[in-house]
């Protein structure tokens, strides 16, 4: 389910997935196929990690990478979950062919 909630977002962020919802900044973004696919990839990640552990792992990885890079945005960009979603958001069939826990292969890659 896609919900529009413009006050939920910071700076340039326009979408967020919190199981089972996708929140977007404005109505026009409902037509942005890449953004919606990106957020659907996050919903699949959340589902396979049983939702609550996903958030724990996501925040933990972000904290560790923030210490590594001394830059919270670069840490965000290098999260395994985000790297998988950004790398595959343009592929409309990605979720049909995606193997479980595919984010793991992005865990040790660096930009």
C-alpha atoms as a PDB file:
ATOM      1  CA  UNK A   1       0.000   0.000   0.000  1.00  0.00           C
ATOM      2  CA  UNK A   2       1.365   3.379  -1.036  1.00  0.00           C
ATOM      3  CA  UNK A   3       0.686   6.367   1.213  1.00  0.00           C
ATOM      4  CA  UNK A   4       1.543  10.021   0.605  1.00  0.00           C
ATOM      5  CA  UNK A   5       2.963  11.783   3.636  1.00  0.00           C
ATOM      6  CA  UNK A   6       5.028  14.822   2.694  1.00  0.00           C
ATOM      7  CA  UNK A   7       6.092  15.735   6.242  1.00  0.00           C
ATOM      8  CA  UNK A   8       7.880  12.423   6.753  1.00  0.00           C
ATOM      9  CA  UNK A   9      10.908  13.235   4.621  1.00  0.00           C
ATOM     10  CA  UNK A  10      14.225  14.943   5.187  1.00  0.00           C
ATOM     11  CA  UNK A  11      16.022  16.887   2.445  1.00  0.00           C
ATOM     12  CA  UNK A  12      16.100  14.955  -0.854  1.00  0.00           C
ATOM     13  CA  UNK A  13      14.544  11.740   0.422  1.00  0.00           C
ATOM     14  CA  UNK A  14      11.251  10.999  -1.323  1.00  0.00           C
ATOM     15  CA  UNK A  15      10.349   7.418  -0.402  1.00  0.00           C
ATOM     16  CA  UNK A  16      10.430   5.098   2.576  1.00  0.00           C
ATOM     17  CA  UNK A  17       9.294   1.550   3.213  1.00  0.00           C
ATOM     18  CA  UNK A  18       7.971   0.561   6.608  1.00  0.00           C
ATOM     19  CA  UNK A  19       6.364  -2.844   6.424  1.00  0.00           C
ATOM     20  CA  UNK A  20       3.792  -3.154   4.861  1.00  0.00           C
ATOM     21  CA  UNK A  21       3.616   0.435   3.595  1.00  0.00           C
ATOM     22  CA  UNK A  22       5.477   2.560   1.101  1.00  0.00           C
ATOM     23  CA  UNK A  23       5.454   6.233   2.059  1.00  0.00           C
ATOM     24  CA  UNK A  24       6.166   8.796  -0.650  1.00  0.00           C
ATOM     25  CA  UNK A  25       6.596  12.561  -0.510  1.00  0.00           C
ATOM     26  CA  UNK A  26       3.912  13.508  -3.053  1.00  0.00           C
ATOM     27  CA  UNK A  27       1.218  12.026  -5.307  1.00  0.00           C
ATOM     28  CA  UNK A  28       3.209  12.383  -8.526  1.00  0.00           C
ATOM     29  CA  UNK A  29       5.778   9.894  -7.222  1.00  0.00           C
ATOM     30  CA  UNK A  30       3.190   7.096  -7.474  1.00  0.00           C
ATOM     31  CA  UNK A  31       4.061   7.050 -11.184  1.00  0.00           C
ATOM     32  CA  UNK A  32       7.818   6.780 -10.606  1.00  0.00           C
ATOM     33  CA  UNK A  33       8.339   3.096 -11.417  1.00  0.00           C
ATOM     34  CA  UNK A  34      11.973   3.031 -10.303  1.00  0.00           C
ATOM     35  CA  UNK A  35      11.199   4.601  -6.921  1.00  0.00           C
ATOM     36  CA  UNK A  36       8.291   2.227  -6.290  1.00  0.00           C
ATOM     37  CA  UNK A  37      10.397  -0.755  -7.378  1.00  0.00           C
ATOM     38  CA  UNK A  38      13.220   0.421  -5.083  1.00  0.00           C
ATOM     39  CA  UNK A  39      10.818   0.551  -2.146  1.00  0.00           C
ATOM     40  CA  UNK A  40       9.303  -2.839  -3.040  1.00  0.00           C
ATOM     41  CA  UNK A  41      12.798  -4.318  -2.913  1.00  0.00           C
ATOM     42  CA  UNK A  42      13.060  -2.960   0.635  1.00  0.00           C
ATOM     43  CA  UNK A  43       9.715  -4.530   1.528  1.00  0.00           C
ATOM     44  CA  UNK A  44      11.030  -7.898   0.321  1.00  0.00           C
ATOM     45  CA  UNK A  45      14.212  -7.429   2.377  1.00  0.00           C
ATOM     46  CA  UNK A  46      12.117  -6.587   5.431  1.00  0.00           C
ATOM     47  CA  UNK A  47       9.917  -9.613   4.901  1.00  0.00           C
ATOM     48  CA  UNK A  48      12.764 -12.087   4.561  1.00  0.00           C
ATOM     49  CA  UNK A  49      14.442 -10.765   7.724  1.00  0.00           C
ATOM     50  CA  UNK A  50      11.129 -11.001   9.596  1.00  0.00           C
ATOM     51  CA  UNK A  51      10.604  -7.229   9.686  1.00  0.00           C
ATOM     52  CA  UNK A  52      11.899  -6.135  13.137  1.00  0.00           C
ATOM     53  CA  UNK A  53      15.364  -7.712  12.698  1.00  0.00           C
ATOM     54  CA  UNK A  54      15.609  -5.902   9.354  1.00  0.00           C
ATOM     55  CA  UNK A  55      15.401  -2.533  11.092  1.00  0.00           C
ATOM     56  CA  UNK A  56      17.960  -3.596  13.692  1.00  0.00           C
ATOM     57  CA  UNK A  57      20.407  -4.780  11.016  1.00  0.00           C
ATOM     58  CA  UNK A  58      19.760  -1.691   8.860  1.00  0.00           C
ATOM     59  CA  UNK A  59      20.475   0.753  11.702  1.00  0.00           C
ATOM     60  CA  UNK A  60      23.445  -1.293  12.954  1.00  0.00           C
ATOM     61  CA  UNK A  61      25.026  -1.379   9.506  1.00  0.00           C
ATOM     62  CA  UNK A  62      24.389   2.357   9.098  1.00  0.00           C
ATOM     63  CA  UNK A  63      26.051   3.124  12.448  1.00  0.00           C
ATOM     64  CA  UNK A  64      29.098   1.006  11.610  1.00  0.00           C
ATOM     65  CA  UNK A  65      29.451   2.523   8.156  1.00  0.00           C
ATOM     66  CA  UNK A  66      29.016   6.021   9.596  1.00  0.00           C
ATOM     67  CA  UNK A  67      32.039   5.357  11.789  1.00  0.00           C
ATOM     68  CA  UNK A  68      33.990   3.958   8.843  1.00  0.00           C
ATOM     69  CA  UNK A  69      33.249   6.836   6.462  1.00  0.00           C
ATOM     70  CA  UNK A  70      32.753   9.684   8.962  1.00  0.00           C
ATOM     71  CA  UNK A  71      29.868  10.634   6.691  1.00  0.00           C
ATOM     72  CA  UNK A  72      26.278   9.583   7.378  1.00  0.00           C
ATOM     73  CA  UNK A  73      25.117  10.031   3.779  1.00  0.00           C
ATOM     74  CA  UNK A  74      27.993   7.991   2.364  1.00  0.00           C
ATOM     75  CA  UNK A  75      27.189   5.367   4.999  1.00  0.00           C
ATOM     76  CA  UNK A  76      23.582   5.324   3.780  1.00  0.00           C
ATOM     77  CA  UNK A  77      24.700   4.971   0.158  1.00  0.00           C
ATOM     78  CA  UNK A  78      26.865   1.981   1.064  1.00  0.00           C
ATOM     79  CA  UNK A  79      24.315   0.016   3.067  1.00  0.00           C
ATOM     80  CA  UNK A  80      23.905  -3.437   1.574  1.00  0.00           C
ATOM     81  CA  UNK A  81      20.116  -2.990   1.481  1.00  0.00           C
ATOM     82  CA  UNK A  82      20.375   0.326  -0.359  1.00  0.00           C
ATOM     83  CA  UNK A  83      23.030  -0.890  -2.770  1.00  0.00           C
ATOM     84  CA  UNK A  84      20.846  -3.830  -3.782  1.00  0.00           C
ATOM     85  CA  UNK A  85      17.787  -1.599  -4.196  1.00  0.00           C
ATOM     86  CA  UNK A  86      19.609   1.098  -6.187  1.00  0.00           C
ATOM     87  CA  UNK A  87      21.388  -1.451  -8.396  1.00  0.00           C
ATOM     88  CA  UNK A  88      18.141  -3.166  -9.338  1.00  0.00           C
ATOM     89  CA  UNK A  89      15.433  -0.502  -9.152  1.00  0.00           C
ATOM     90  CA  UNK A  90      15.392  -0.161 -12.944  1.00  0.00           C
ATOM     91  CA  UNK A  91      14.675  -3.841 -13.519  1.00  0.00           C
ATOM     92  CA  UNK A  92      10.911  -4.385 -13.479  1.00  0.00           C
ATOM     93  CA  UNK A  93      11.349  -8.168 -13.187  1.00  0.00           C
ATOM     94  CA  UNK A  94      13.982  -8.104 -10.456  1.00  0.00           C
ATOM     95  CA  UNK A  95      11.650  -9.175  -7.656  1.00  0.00           C
ATOM     96  CA  UNK A  96      10.353 -12.086  -9.732  1.00  0.00           C
ATOM     97  CA  UNK A  97      13.888 -13.438 -10.195  1.00  0.00           C
ATOM     98  CA  UNK A  98      15.512 -12.253  -6.959  1.00  0.00           C
ATOM     99  CA  UNK A  99      17.034 -14.901  -4.740  1.00  0.00           C
ATOM    100  CA  UNK A 100      16.437 -14.685  -0.974  1.00  0.00           C
ATOM    101  CA  UNK A 101      18.971 -12.642   0.980  1.00  0.00           C
ATOM    102  CA  UNK A 102      20.446 -11.125  -2.181  1.00  0.00           C
ATOM    103  CA  UNK A 103      21.487  -8.040  -0.217  1.00  0.00           C
ATOM    104  CA  UNK A 104      24.314 -10.087   1.348  1.00  0.00           C
ATOM    105  CA  UNK A 105      26.399  -9.925  -1.829  1.00  0.00           C
ATOM    106  CA  UNK A 106      26.368  -6.124  -1.482  1.00  0.00           C
ATOM    107  CA  UNK A 107      27.555  -6.208   2.114  1.00  0.00           C
ATOM    108  CA  UNK A 108      31.281  -6.084   1.373  1.00  0.00           C
ATOM    109  CA  UNK A 109      31.256  -3.965  -1.753  1.00  0.00           C
ATOM    110  CA  UNK A 110      32.465  -0.378  -1.359  1.00  0.00           C
ATOM    111  CA  UNK A 111      31.962   2.732  -3.439  1.00  0.00           C
END
